[in-house]
Each structure stands twice: as structure tokens, then as C-alpha cells.
Amino acid sequence: MASVSELLADIKDKISRIERDLGEEKISLDKLHELRETANTILPEIKSCRKQVESYPPEHEETKKQILKELDGYEERYLDLAIKLTELLTKKENSEFEKLKKKE
């Protein structure tokens, strides 16, 4: 099992990478699917990290609160990304479908 610090770094890296890639003007359907696969791993990591942190002993209460607050922020960013990614995927897939229909 990964440590809390490893999970936090991985979550932060994935979210930042997806945010950066979604900011590109031209993004392929394949790239969007790849980003969705990556995004689908974030929430389980957040939950795993939260579970580990919640089991911290009372003497680490401040650290626990700080990390849980950080996780809340990552979860909020993840949810925003998931919505944006879903919208872009739907738009791109509909566009591809229309192109195929016109070819027929």
C-alpha cells in the first residue's frame, strides 16, 4: 500500500496533468479517453488516502486535519475535471458521429 505522501503526490500530479492537457486547444478523442482512464484512478486514490489519514492517532490531529483539507481540495478539483472531461468527450464523440453520418 502506498504511503499518504506518495498518494498525495500522485493525486496532485494526475490532476495537474489532466488540467494541463484539457487546456490544449486541439485534443483528440483518443487523448480524452486516455485522460478519462487516468481520472478514473483519482477518486479511489483519494478514498484510500483519506482512509489511511483518518486512522492517524490523536497526537497527529493537526496533520490529519491538514491532509483531509488538502484531500477535500483535490476531490473538488477532480469533480470539476470529471464534469469538464465528460462534456468534452460527449461533444467530441457527437462530432465524430456526425462526421461518420455525413460520409454515408
PDB file of N, CA and C in Angstrom:
ATOM      1  N   MET A   1       0.847  -1.175   0.000  1.00  0.00           N
ATOM      2  CA  MET A   1       0.000   0.000   0.000  1.00  0.00           C
ATOM      3  C   MET A   1       0.898   1.245   0.000  1.00  0.00           C
ATOM      4  N   ALA A   2       0.543   2.205  -0.840  1.00  0.00           N
ATOM      5  CA  ALA A   2       1.323   3.431  -0.942  1.00  0.00           C
ATOM      6  C   ALA A   2       1.143   4.288   0.312  1.00  0.00           C
ATOM      7  N   SER A   3       2.188   5.053   0.615  1.00  0.00           N
ATOM      8  CA  SER A   3       2.114   5.937   1.772  1.00  0.00           C
ATOM      9  C   SER A   3       1.220   7.134   1.448  1.00  0.00           C
ATOM     10  N   VAL A   4       0.807   7.840   2.479  1.00  0.00           N
ATOM     11  CA  VAL A   4      -0.043   9.015   2.307  1.00  0.00           C
ATOM     12  C   VAL A   4       0.667  10.047   1.436  1.00  0.00           C
ATOM     13  N   SER A   5       1.941  10.292   1.709  1.00  0.00           N
ATOM     14  CA  SER A   5       2.672  11.301   0.930  1.00  0.00           C
ATOM     15  C   SER A   5       2.800  10.878  -0.534  1.00  0.00           C
ATOM     16  N   GLU A   6       2.994   9.587  -0.795  1.00  0.00           N
ATOM     17  CA  GLU A   6       3.057   9.097  -2.181  1.00  0.00           C
ATOM     18  C   GLU A   6       1.708   9.260  -2.878  1.00  0.00           C
ATOM     19  N   LEU A   7       0.634   8.934  -2.175  1.00  0.00           N
ATOM     20  CA  LEU A   7      -0.705   9.084  -2.747  1.00  0.00           C
ATOM     21  C   LEU A   7      -1.016  10.548  -3.028  1.00  0.00           C
ATOM     22  N   LEU A   8      -0.698  11.428  -2.093  1.00  0.00           N
ATOM     23  CA  LEU A   8      -0.949  12.853  -2.293  1.00  0.00           C
ATOM     24  C   LEU A   8      -0.182  13.377  -3.511  1.00  0.00           C
ATOM     25  N   ALA A   9       1.067  12.981  -3.638  1.00  0.00           N
ATOM     26  CA  ALA A   9       1.882  13.423  -4.778  1.00  0.00           C
ATOM     27  C   ALA A   9       1.310  12.894  -6.090  1.00  0.00           C
ATOM     28  N   ASP A  10       0.887  11.635  -6.084  1.00  0.00           N
ATOM     29  CA  ASP A  10       0.315  11.024  -7.289  1.00  0.00           C
ATOM     30  C   ASP A  10      -1.000  11.695  -7.679  1.00  0.00           C
ATOM     31  N   ILE A  11      -1.844  11.947  -6.705  1.00  0.00           N
ATOM     32  CA  ILE A  11      -3.130  12.605  -6.959  1.00  0.00           C
ATOM     33  C   ILE A  11      -2.901  13.994  -7.533  1.00  0.00           C
ATOM     34  N   LYS A  12      -2.012  14.751  -6.888  1.00  0.00           N
ATOM     35  CA  LYS A  12      -1.714  16.111  -7.340  1.00  0.00           C
ATOM     36  C   LYS A  12      -1.167  16.096  -8.767  1.00  0.00           C
ATOM     37  N   ASP A  13      -0.257  15.174  -9.042  1.00  0.00           N
ATOM     38  CA  ASP A  13       0.352  15.072 -10.373  1.00  0.00           C
ATOM     39  C   ASP A  13      -0.691  14.751 -11.438  1.00  0.00           C
ATOM     40  N   LYS A  14      -1.550  13.771 -11.160  1.00  0.00           N
ATOM     41  CA  LYS A  14      -2.572  13.379 -12.133  1.00  0.00           C
ATOM     42  C   LYS A  14      -3.547  14.523 -12.413  1.00  0.00           C
ATOM     43  N   ILE A  15      -4.000  15.180 -11.361  1.00  0.00           N
ATOM     44  CA  ILE A  15      -4.951  16.281 -11.536  1.00  0.00           C
ATOM     45  C   ILE A  15      -4.303  17.410 -12.342  1.00  0.00           C
ATOM     46  N   SER A  16      -3.082  17.760 -12.006  1.00  0.00           N
ATOM     47  CA  SER A  16      -2.376  18.837 -12.719  1.00  0.00           C
ATOM     48  C   SER A  16      -2.171  18.482 -14.190  1.00  0.00           C
ATOM     49  N   ARG A  17      -1.802  17.234 -14.449  1.00  0.00           N
ATOM     50  CA  ARG A  17      -1.590  16.775 -15.825  1.00  0.00           C
ATOM     51  C   ARG A  17      -2.887  16.843 -16.632  1.00  0.00           C
ATOM     52  N   ILE A  18      -3.982  16.394 -16.042  1.00  0.00           N
ATOM     53  CA  ILE A  18      -5.271  16.420 -16.740  1.00  0.00           C
ATOM     54  C   ILE A  18      -5.705  17.861 -16.982  1.00  0.00           C
ATOM     55  N   GLU A  19      -5.549  18.708 -15.977  1.00  0.00           N
ATOM     56  CA  GLU A  19      -5.915  20.127 -16.151  1.00  0.00           C
ATOM     57  C   GLU A  19      -5.109  20.748 -17.286  1.00  0.00           C
ATOM     58  N   ARG A  20      -3.822  20.465 -17.324  1.00  0.00           N
ATOM     59  CA  ARG A  20      -2.954  20.994 -18.379  1.00  0.00           C
ATOM     60  C   ARG A  20      -3.391  20.472 -19.753  1.00  0.00           C
ATOM     61  N   ASP A  21      -3.604  19.165 -19.853  1.00  0.00           N
ATOM     62  CA  ASP A  21      -3.976  18.570 -21.139  1.00  0.00           C
ATOM     63  C   ASP A  21      -5.334  19.043 -21.620  1.00  0.00           C
ATOM     64  N   LEU A  22      -6.274  19.241 -20.697  1.00  0.00           N
ATOM     65  CA  LEU A  22      -7.599  19.734 -21.088  1.00  0.00           C
ATOM     66  C   LEU A  22      -7.545  21.181 -21.562  1.00  0.00           C
ATOM     67  N   GLY A  23      -6.478  21.876 -21.212  1.00  0.00           N
ATOM     68  CA  GLY A  23      -6.310  23.258 -21.635  1.00  0.00           C
ATOM     69  C   GLY A  23      -5.820  23.393 -23.069  1.00  0.00           C
ATOM     70  N   GLU A  24      -5.415  22.276 -23.673  1.00  0.00           N
ATOM     71  CA  GLU A  24      -4.945  22.309 -25.059  1.00  0.00           C
ATOM     72  C   GLU A  24      -6.109  22.633 -25.988  1.00  0.00           C
ATOM     73  N   GLU A  25      -5.791  23.391 -27.050  1.00  0.00           N
ATOM     74  CA  GLU A  25      -6.848  23.774 -27.983  1.00  0.00           C
ATOM     75  C   GLU A  25      -7.387  22.584 -28.761  1.00  0.00           C
ATOM     76  N   LYS A  26      -6.500  21.828 -29.339  1.00  0.00           N
ATOM     77  CA  LYS A  26      -6.896  20.649 -30.110  1.00  0.00           C
ATOM     78  C   LYS A  26      -6.552  19.410 -29.297  1.00  0.00           C
ATOM     79  N   ILE A  27      -7.571  18.650 -28.974  1.00  0.00           N
ATOM     80  CA  ILE A  27      -7.347  17.433 -28.192  1.00  0.00           C
ATOM     81  C   ILE A  27      -8.127  16.307 -28.869  1.00  0.00           C
ATOM     82  N   SER A  28      -7.440  15.212 -29.093  1.00  0.00           N
ATOM     83  CA  SER A  28      -8.059  14.105 -29.829  1.00  0.00           C
ATOM     84  C   SER A  28      -8.998  13.304 -28.933  1.00  0.00           C
ATOM     85  N   LEU A  29      -9.868  12.566 -29.591  1.00  0.00           N
ATOM     86  CA  LEU A  29     -10.789  11.694 -28.864  1.00  0.00           C
ATOM     87  C   LEU A  29     -10.007  10.635 -28.091  1.00  0.00           C
ATOM     88  N   ASP A  30      -8.957  10.094 -28.703  1.00  0.00           N
ATOM     89  CA  ASP A  30      -8.130   9.100 -28.009  1.00  0.00           C
ATOM     90  C   ASP A  30      -7.488   9.674 -26.748  1.00  0.00           C
ATOM     91  N   LYS A  31      -7.019  10.914 -26.861  1.00  0.00           N
ATOM     92  CA  LYS A  31      -6.399  11.567 -25.704  1.00  0.00           C
ATOM     93  C   LYS A  31      -7.441  11.783 -24.601  1.00  0.00           C
ATOM     94  N   LEU A  32      -8.656  12.157 -24.976  1.00  0.00           N
ATOM     95  CA  LEU A  32      -9.725  12.341 -23.990  1.00  0.00           C
ATOM     96  C   LEU A  32     -10.037  11.028 -23.272  1.00  0.00           C
ATOM     97  N   HIS A  33     -10.063   9.932 -24.025  1.00  0.00           N
ATOM     98  CA  HIS A  33     -10.309   8.625 -23.398  1.00  0.00           C
ATOM     99  C   HIS A  33      -9.160   8.257 -22.455  1.00  0.00           C
ATOM    100  N   GLU A  34      -7.934   8.575 -22.859  1.00  0.00           N
ATOM    101  CA  GLU A  34      -6.771   8.313 -22.012  1.00  0.00           C
ATOM    102  C   GLU A  34      -6.860   9.134 -20.716  1.00  0.00           C
ATOM    103  N   LEU A  35      -7.255  10.390 -20.850  1.00  0.00           N
ATOM    104  CA  LEU A  35      -7.410  11.244 -19.666  1.00  0.00           C
ATOM    105  C   LEU A  35      -8.516  10.727 -18.751  1.00  0.00           C
ATOM    106  N   ARG A  36      -9.593  10.215 -19.342  1.00  0.00           N
ATOM    107  CA  ARG A  36     -10.682   9.670 -18.525  1.00  0.00           C
ATOM    108  C   ARG A  36     -10.201   8.451 -17.743  1.00  0.00           C
ATOM    109  N   GLU A  37      -9.400   7.606 -18.391  1.00  0.00           N
ATOM    110  CA  GLU A  37      -8.861   6.433 -17.694  1.00  0.00           C
ATOM    111  C   GLU A  37      -8.003   6.864 -16.508  1.00  0.00           C
ATOM    112  N   THR A  38      -7.187   7.884 -16.726  1.00  0.00           N
ATOM    113  CA  THR A  38      -6.361   8.406 -15.634  1.00  0.00           C
ATOM    114  C   THR A  38      -7.242   8.986 -14.542  1.00  0.00           C
ATOM    115  N   ALA A  39      -8.239   9.775 -14.934  1.00  0.00           N
ATOM    116  CA  ALA A  39      -9.140  10.405 -13.959  1.00  0.00           C
ATOM    117  C   ALA A  39      -9.874   9.360 -13.125  1.00  0.00           C
ATOM    118  N   ASN A  40     -10.206   8.237 -13.742  1.00  0.00           N
ATOM    119  CA  ASN A  40     -10.933   7.191 -13.021  1.00  0.00           C
ATOM    120  C   ASN A  40     -10.115   6.569 -11.894  1.00  0.00           C
ATOM    121  N   THR A  41      -8.810   6.792 -11.893  1.00  0.00           N
ATOM    122  CA  THR A  41      -7.972   6.250 -10.819  1.00  0.00           C
ATOM    123  C   THR A  41      -7.843   7.220  -9.649  1.00  0.00           C
ATOM    124  N   ILE A  42      -8.232   8.481  -9.851  1.00  0.00           N
ATOM    125  CA  ILE A  42      -8.014   9.505  -8.827  1.00  0.00           C
ATOM    126  C   ILE A  42      -8.916   9.330  -7.611  1.00  0.00           C
ATOM    127  N   LEU A  43     -10.202   9.150  -7.827  1.00  0.00           N
ATOM    128  CA  LEU A  43     -11.123   9.056  -6.690  1.00  0.00           C
ATOM    129  C   LEU A  43     -10.796   7.874  -5.769  1.00  0.00           C
ATOM    130  N   PRO A  44     -10.503   6.683  -6.311  1.00  0.00           N
ATOM    131  CA  PRO A  44     -10.113   5.590  -5.407  1.00  0.00           C
ATOM    132  C   PRO A  44      -8.840   5.922  -4.607  1.00  0.00           C
ATOM    133  N   GLU A  45      -7.909   6.658  -5.230  1.00  0.00           N
ATOM    134  CA  GLU A  45      -6.699   7.053  -4.503  1.00  0.00           C
ATOM    135  C   GLU A  45      -7.035   8.043  -3.393  1.00  0.00           C
ATOM    136  N   ILE A  46      -7.928   8.973  -3.677  1.00  0.00           N
ATOM    137  CA  ILE A  46      -8.346   9.935  -2.656  1.00  0.00           C
ATOM    138  C   ILE A  46      -8.996   9.190  -1.484  1.00  0.00           C
ATOM    139  N   LYS A  47      -9.869   8.240  -1.802  1.00  0.00           N
ATOM    140  CA  LYS A  47     -10.546   7.478  -0.748  1.00  0.00           C
ATOM    141  C   LYS A  47      -9.555   6.652   0.068  1.00  0.00           C
ATOM    142  N   SER A  48      -8.589   6.039  -0.598  1.00  0.00           N
ATOM    143  CA  SER A  48      -7.580   5.242   0.092  1.00  0.00           C
ATOM    144  C   SER A  48      -6.738   6.119   1.014  1.00  0.00           C
ATOM    145  N   CYS A  49      -6.351   7.268   0.512  1.00  0.00           N
ATOM    146  CA  CYS A  49      -5.553   8.195   1.303  1.00  0.00           C
ATOM    147  C   CYS A  49      -6.358   8.694   2.505  1.00  0.00           C
ATOM    148  N   ARG A  50      -7.610   9.040   2.257  1.00  0.00           N
ATOM    149  CA  ARG A  50      -8.478   9.534   3.340  1.00  0.00           C
ATOM    150  C   ARG A  50      -8.616   8.462   4.434  1.00  0.00           C
ATOM    151  N   LYS A  51      -8.770   7.224   4.014  1.00  0.00           N
ATOM    152  CA  LYS A  51      -8.923   6.121   4.973  1.00  0.00           C
ATOM    153  C   LYS A  51      -7.670   5.977   5.842  1.00  0.00           C
ATOM    154  N   GLN A  52      -6.501   6.081   5.197  1.00  0.00           N
ATOM    155  CA  GLN A  52      -5.248   5.987   5.962  1.00  0.00           C
ATOM    156  C   GLN A  52      -5.121   7.143   6.953  1.00  0.00           C
ATOM    157  N   VAL A  53      -5.442   8.345   6.494  1.00  0.00           N
ATOM    158  CA  VAL A  53      -5.291   9.538   7.332  1.00  0.00           C
ATOM    159  C   VAL A  53      -6.272   9.513   8.500  1.00  0.00           C
ATOM    160  N   GLU A  54      -7.472   9.044   8.257  1.00  0.00           N
ATOM    161  CA  GLU A  54      -8.473   9.006   9.325  1.00  0.00           C
ATOM    162  C   GLU A  54      -8.085   8.051  10.450  1.00  0.00           C
ATOM    163  N   SER A  55      -7.167   7.158  10.161  1.00  0.00           N
ATOM    164  CA  SER A  55      -6.725   6.220  11.205  1.00  0.00           C
ATOM    165  C   SER A  55      -5.508   6.750  11.973  1.00  0.00           C
ATOM    166  N   TYR A  56      -5.086   7.974  11.691  1.00  0.00           N
ATOM    167  CA  TYR A  56      -3.972   8.568  12.437  1.00  0.00           C
ATOM    168  C   TYR A  56      -4.341   8.650  13.919  1.00  0.00           C
ATOM    169  N   PRO A  57      -3.371   8.449  14.788  1.00  0.00           N
ATOM    170  CA  PRO A  57      -3.636   8.548  16.235  1.00  0.00           C
ATOM    171  C   PRO A  57      -3.916  10.004  16.641  1.00  0.00           C
ATOM    172  N   PRO A  58      -4.561  10.196  17.789  1.00  0.00           N
ATOM    173  CA  PRO A  58      -4.956  11.533  18.249  1.00  0.00           C
ATOM    174  C   PRO A  58      -3.808  12.550  18.311  1.00  0.00           C
ATOM    175  N   GLU A  59      -2.606  12.094  18.584  1.00  0.00           N
ATOM    176  CA  GLU A  59      -1.490  13.040  18.689  1.00  0.00           C
ATOM    177  C   GLU A  59      -1.106  13.680  17.342  1.00  0.00           C
ATOM    178  N   HIS A  60      -1.664  13.152  16.259  1.00  0.00           N
ATOM    179  CA  HIS A  60      -1.409  13.698  14.920  1.00  0.00           C
ATOM    180  C   HIS A  60      -2.648  14.404  14.359  1.00  0.00           C
ATOM    181  N   GLU A  61      -3.472  14.911  15.244  1.00  0.00           N
ATOM    182  CA  GLU A  61      -4.747  15.531  14.839  1.00  0.00           C
ATOM    183  C   GLU A  61      -4.566  16.713  13.884  1.00  0.00           C
ATOM    184  N   GLU A  62      -3.585  17.555  14.132  1.00  0.00           N
ATOM    185  CA  GLU A  62      -3.363  18.718  13.254  1.00  0.00           C
ATOM    186  C   GLU A  62      -2.947  18.279  11.845  1.00  0.00           C
ATOM    187  N   THR A  63      -2.046  17.323  11.771  1.00  0.00           N
ATOM    188  CA  THR A  63      -1.607  16.788  10.482  1.00  0.00           C
ATOM    189  C   THR A  63      -2.793  16.158   9.761  1.00  0.00           C
ATOM    190  N   LYS A  64      -3.571  15.415  10.507  1.00  0.00           N
ATOM    191  CA  LYS A  64      -4.757  14.762   9.963  1.00  0.00           C
ATOM    192  C   LYS A  64      -5.696  15.799   9.355  1.00  0.00           C
ATOM    193  N   LYS A  65      -6.002  16.864  10.101  1.00  0.00           N
ATOM    194  CA  LYS A  65      -6.903  17.905   9.601  1.00  0.00           C
ATOM    195  C   LYS A  65      -6.358  18.560   8.344  1.00  0.00           C
ATOM    196  N   GLN A  66      -5.053  18.834   8.346  1.00  0.00           N
ATOM    197  CA  GLN A  66      -4.413  19.480   7.205  1.00  0.00           C
ATOM    198  C   GLN A  66      -4.497  18.606   5.950  1.00  0.00           C
ATOM    199  N   ILE A  67      -4.202  17.336   6.097  1.00  0.00           N
ATOM    200  CA  ILE A  67      -4.227  16.423   4.951  1.00  0.00           C
ATOM    201  C   ILE A  67      -5.663  16.215   4.461  1.00  0.00           C
ATOM    202  N   LEU A  68      -6.613  16.082   5.381  1.00  0.00           N
ATOM    203  CA  LEU A  68      -8.015  15.917   4.972  1.00  0.00           C
ATOM    204  C   LEU A  68      -8.512  17.149   4.216  1.00  0.00           C
ATOM    205  N   LYS A  69      -8.072  18.325   4.646  1.00  0.00           N
ATOM    206  CA  LYS A  69      -8.448  19.554   3.943  1.00  0.00           C
ATOM    207  C   LYS A  69      -7.853  19.552   2.526  1.00  0.00           C
ATOM    208  N   GLU A  70      -6.602  19.118   2.419  1.00  0.00           N
ATOM    209  CA  GLU A  70      -5.944  19.018   1.116  1.00  0.00           C
ATOM    210  C   GLU A  70      -6.693  18.020   0.216  1.00  0.00           C
ATOM    211  N   LEU A  71      -7.091  16.896   0.789  1.00  0.00           N
ATOM    212  CA  LEU A  71      -7.844  15.893   0.033  1.00  0.00           C
ATOM    213  C   LEU A  71      -9.193  16.435  -0.426  1.00  0.00           C
ATOM    214  N   ASP A  72      -9.841  17.233   0.426  1.00  0.00           N
ATOM    215  CA  ASP A  72     -11.115  17.860   0.029  1.00  0.00           C
ATOM    216  C   ASP A  72     -10.907  18.739  -1.200  1.00  0.00           C
ATOM    217  N   GLY A  73      -9.810  19.483  -1.217  1.00  0.00           N
ATOM    218  CA  GLY A  73      -9.493  20.334  -2.364  1.00  0.00           C
ATOM    219  C   GLY A  73      -9.248  19.520  -3.616  1.00  0.00           C
ATOM    220  N   TYR A  74      -8.509  18.421  -3.484  1.00  0.00           N
ATOM    221  CA  TYR A  74      -8.254  17.556  -4.636  1.00  0.00           C
ATOM    222  C   TYR A  74      -9.544  16.916  -5.141  1.00  0.00           C
ATOM    223  N   GLU A  75     -10.406  16.532  -4.207  1.00  0.00           N
ATOM    224  CA  GLU A  75     -11.675  15.921  -4.603  1.00  0.00           C
ATOM    225  C   GLU A  75     -12.535  16.925  -5.372  1.00  0.00           C
ATOM    226  N   GLU A  76     -12.534  18.165  -4.936  1.00  0.00           N
ATOM    227  CA  GLU A  76     -13.295  19.213  -5.632  1.00  0.00           C
ATOM    228  C   GLU A  76     -12.733  19.444  -7.034  1.00  0.00           C
ATOM    229  N   ARG A  77     -11.405  19.517  -7.138  1.00  0.00           N
ATOM    230  CA  ARG A  77     -10.775  19.686  -8.458  1.00  0.00           C
ATOM    231  C   ARG A  77     -11.075  18.484  -9.351  1.00  0.00           C
ATOM    232  N   TYR A  78     -11.036  17.280  -8.761  1.00  0.00           N
ATOM    233  CA  TYR A  78     -11.334  16.072  -9.524  1.00  0.00           C
ATOM    234  C   TYR A  78     -12.762  16.123 -10.080  1.00  0.00           C
ATOM    235  N   LEU A  79     -13.720  16.504  -9.245  1.00  0.00           N
ATOM    236  CA  LEU A  79     -15.115  16.558  -9.687  1.00  0.00           C
ATOM    237  C   LEU A  79     -15.295  17.572 -10.815  1.00  0.00           C
ATOM    238  N   ASP A  80     -14.637  18.724 -10.707  1.00  0.00           N
ATOM    239  CA  ASP A  80     -14.683  19.714 -11.788  1.00  0.00           C
ATOM    240  C   ASP A  80     -14.102  19.140 -13.078  1.00  0.00           C
ATOM    241  N   LEU A  81     -12.980  18.433 -12.943  1.00  0.00           N
ATOM    242  CA  LEU A  81     -12.351  17.817 -14.119  1.00  0.00           C
ATOM    243  C   LEU A  81     -13.243  16.737 -14.726  1.00  0.00           C
ATOM    244  N   ALA A  82     -13.857  15.943 -13.879  1.00  0.00           N
ATOM    245  CA  ALA A  82     -14.714  14.861 -14.366  1.00  0.00           C
ATOM    246  C   ALA A  82     -15.873  15.426 -15.191  1.00  0.00           C
ATOM    247  N   ILE A  83     -16.450  16.524 -14.717  1.00  0.00           N
ATOM    248  CA  ILE A  83     -17.549  17.158 -15.449  1.00  0.00           C
ATOM    249  C   ILE A  83     -17.052  17.697 -16.787  1.00  0.00           C
ATOM    250  N   LYS A  84     -15.941  18.426 -16.746  1.00  0.00           N
ATOM    251  CA  LYS A  84     -15.389  19.007 -17.976  1.00  0.00           C
ATOM    252  C   LYS A  84     -15.001  17.913 -18.965  1.00  0.00           C
ATOM    253  N   LEU A  85     -14.382  16.872 -18.469  1.00  0.00           N
ATOM    254  CA  LEU A  85     -13.959  15.756 -19.312  1.00  0.00           C
ATOM    255  C   LEU A  85     -15.160  15.066 -19.948  1.00  0.00           C
ATOM    256  N   THR A  86     -16.202  14.845 -19.179  1.00  0.00           N
ATOM    257  CA  THR A  86     -17.424  14.223 -19.705  1.00  0.00           C
ATOM    258  C   THR A  86     -18.048  15.094 -20.791  1.00  0.00           C
ATOM    259  N   GLU A  87     -18.104  16.396 -20.545  1.00  0.00           N
ATOM    260  CA  GLU A  87     -18.668  17.311 -21.545  1.00  0.00           C
ATOM    261  C   GLU A  87     -17.852  17.292 -22.830  1.00  0.00           C
ATOM    262  N   LEU A  88     -16.515  17.346 -22.698  1.00  0.00           N
ATOM    263  CA  LEU A  88     -15.657  17.329 -23.888  1.00  0.00           C
ATOM    264  C   LEU A  88     -15.763  16.010 -24.647  1.00  0.00           C
ATOM    265  N   LEU A  89     -15.800  14.917 -23.907  1.00  0.00           N
ATOM    266  CA  LEU A  89     -15.937  13.605 -24.548  1.00  0.00           C
ATOM    267  C   LEU A  89     -17.256  13.498 -25.309  1.00  0.00           C
ATOM    268  N   THR A  90     -18.323  13.928 -24.687  1.00  0.00           N
ATOM    269  CA  THR A  90     -19.640  13.878 -25.334  1.00  0.00           C
ATOM    270  C   THR A  90     -19.644  14.729 -26.589  1.00  0.00           C
ATOM    271  N   LYS A  91     -19.120  15.932 -26.489  1.00  0.00           N
ATOM    272  CA  LYS A  91     -19.062  16.844 -27.630  1.00  0.00           C
ATOM    273  C   LYS A  91     -18.223  16.251 -28.762  1.00  0.00           C
ATOM    274  N   LYS A  92     -17.057  15.722 -28.422  1.00  0.00           N
ATOM    275  CA  LYS A  92     -16.147  15.148 -29.419  1.00  0.00           C
ATOM    276  C   LYS A  92     -16.750  13.899 -30.047  1.00  0.00           C
ATOM    277  N   GLU A  93     -17.360  13.032 -29.243  1.00  0.00           N
ATOM    278  CA  GLU A  93     -17.969  11.812 -29.782  1.00  0.00           C
ATOM    279  C   GLU A  93     -19.151  12.146 -30.681  1.00  0.00           C
ATOM    280  N   ASN A  94     -19.950  13.136 -30.300  1.00  0.00           N
ATOM    281  CA  ASN A  94     -21.066  13.558 -31.150  1.00  0.00           C
ATOM    282  C   ASN A  94     -20.555  14.115 -32.462  1.00  0.00           C
ATOM    283  N   SER A  95     -19.477  14.871 -32.418  1.00  0.00           N
ATOM    284  CA  SER A  95     -18.868  15.435 -33.618  1.00  0.00           C
ATOM    285  C   SER A  95     -18.366  14.322 -34.539  1.00  0.00           C
ATOM    286  N   GLU A  96     -17.700  13.339 -33.951  1.00  0.00           N
ATOM    287  CA  GLU A  96     -17.201  12.204 -34.740  1.00  0.00           C
ATOM    288  C   GLU A  96     -18.367  11.419 -35.352  1.00  0.00           C
ATOM    289  N   PHE A  97     -19.428  11.250 -34.601  1.00  0.00           N
ATOM    290  CA  PHE A  97     -20.618  10.541 -35.086  1.00  0.00           C
ATOM    291  C   PHE A  97     -21.231  11.284 -36.269  1.00  0.00           C
ATOM    292  N   GLU A  98     -21.326  12.599 -36.165  1.00  0.00           N
ATOM    293  CA  GLU A  98     -21.884  13.412 -37.259  1.00  0.00           C
ATOM    294  C   GLU A  98     -21.019  13.301 -38.510  1.00  0.00           C
ATOM    295  N   LYS A  99     -19.710  13.267 -38.340  1.00  0.00           N
ATOM    296  CA  LYS A  99     -18.804  13.114 -39.486  1.00  0.00           C
ATOM    297  C   LYS A  99     -19.046  11.779 -40.172  1.00  0.00           C
ATOM    298  N   LEU A 100     -19.224  10.731 -39.381  1.00  0.00           N
ATOM    299  CA  LEU A 100     -19.476   9.404 -39.945  1.00  0.00           C
ATOM    300  C   LEU A 100     -20.824   9.358 -40.670  1.00  0.00           C
ATOM    301  N   LYS A 101     -21.824  10.000 -40.088  1.00  0.00           N
ATOM    302  CA  LYS A 101     -23.148  10.036 -40.718  1.00  0.00           C
ATOM    303  C   LYS A 101     -23.091  10.745 -42.064  1.00  0.00           C
ATOM    304  N   LYS A 102     -22.336  11.811 -42.159  1.00  0.00           N
ATOM    305  CA  LYS A 102     -22.230  12.568 -43.406  1.00  0.00           C
ATOM    306  C   LYS A 102     -21.529  11.769 -44.492  1.00  0.00           C
ATOM    307  N   LYS A 103     -20.614  10.875 -44.097  1.00  0.00           N
ATOM    308  CA  LYS A 103     -19.889  10.060 -45.066  1.00  0.00           C
ATOM    309  C   LYS A 103     -20.795   9.020 -45.718  1.00  0.00           C
ATOM    310  N   GLU A 104     -21.869   8.632 -45.026  1.00  0.00           N
ATOM    311  CA  GLU A 104     -22.758   7.574 -45.525  1.00  0.00           C
ATOM    312  C   GLU A 104     -23.633   8.033 -46.638  1.00  0.00           C
TER     313      GLU A 104
END
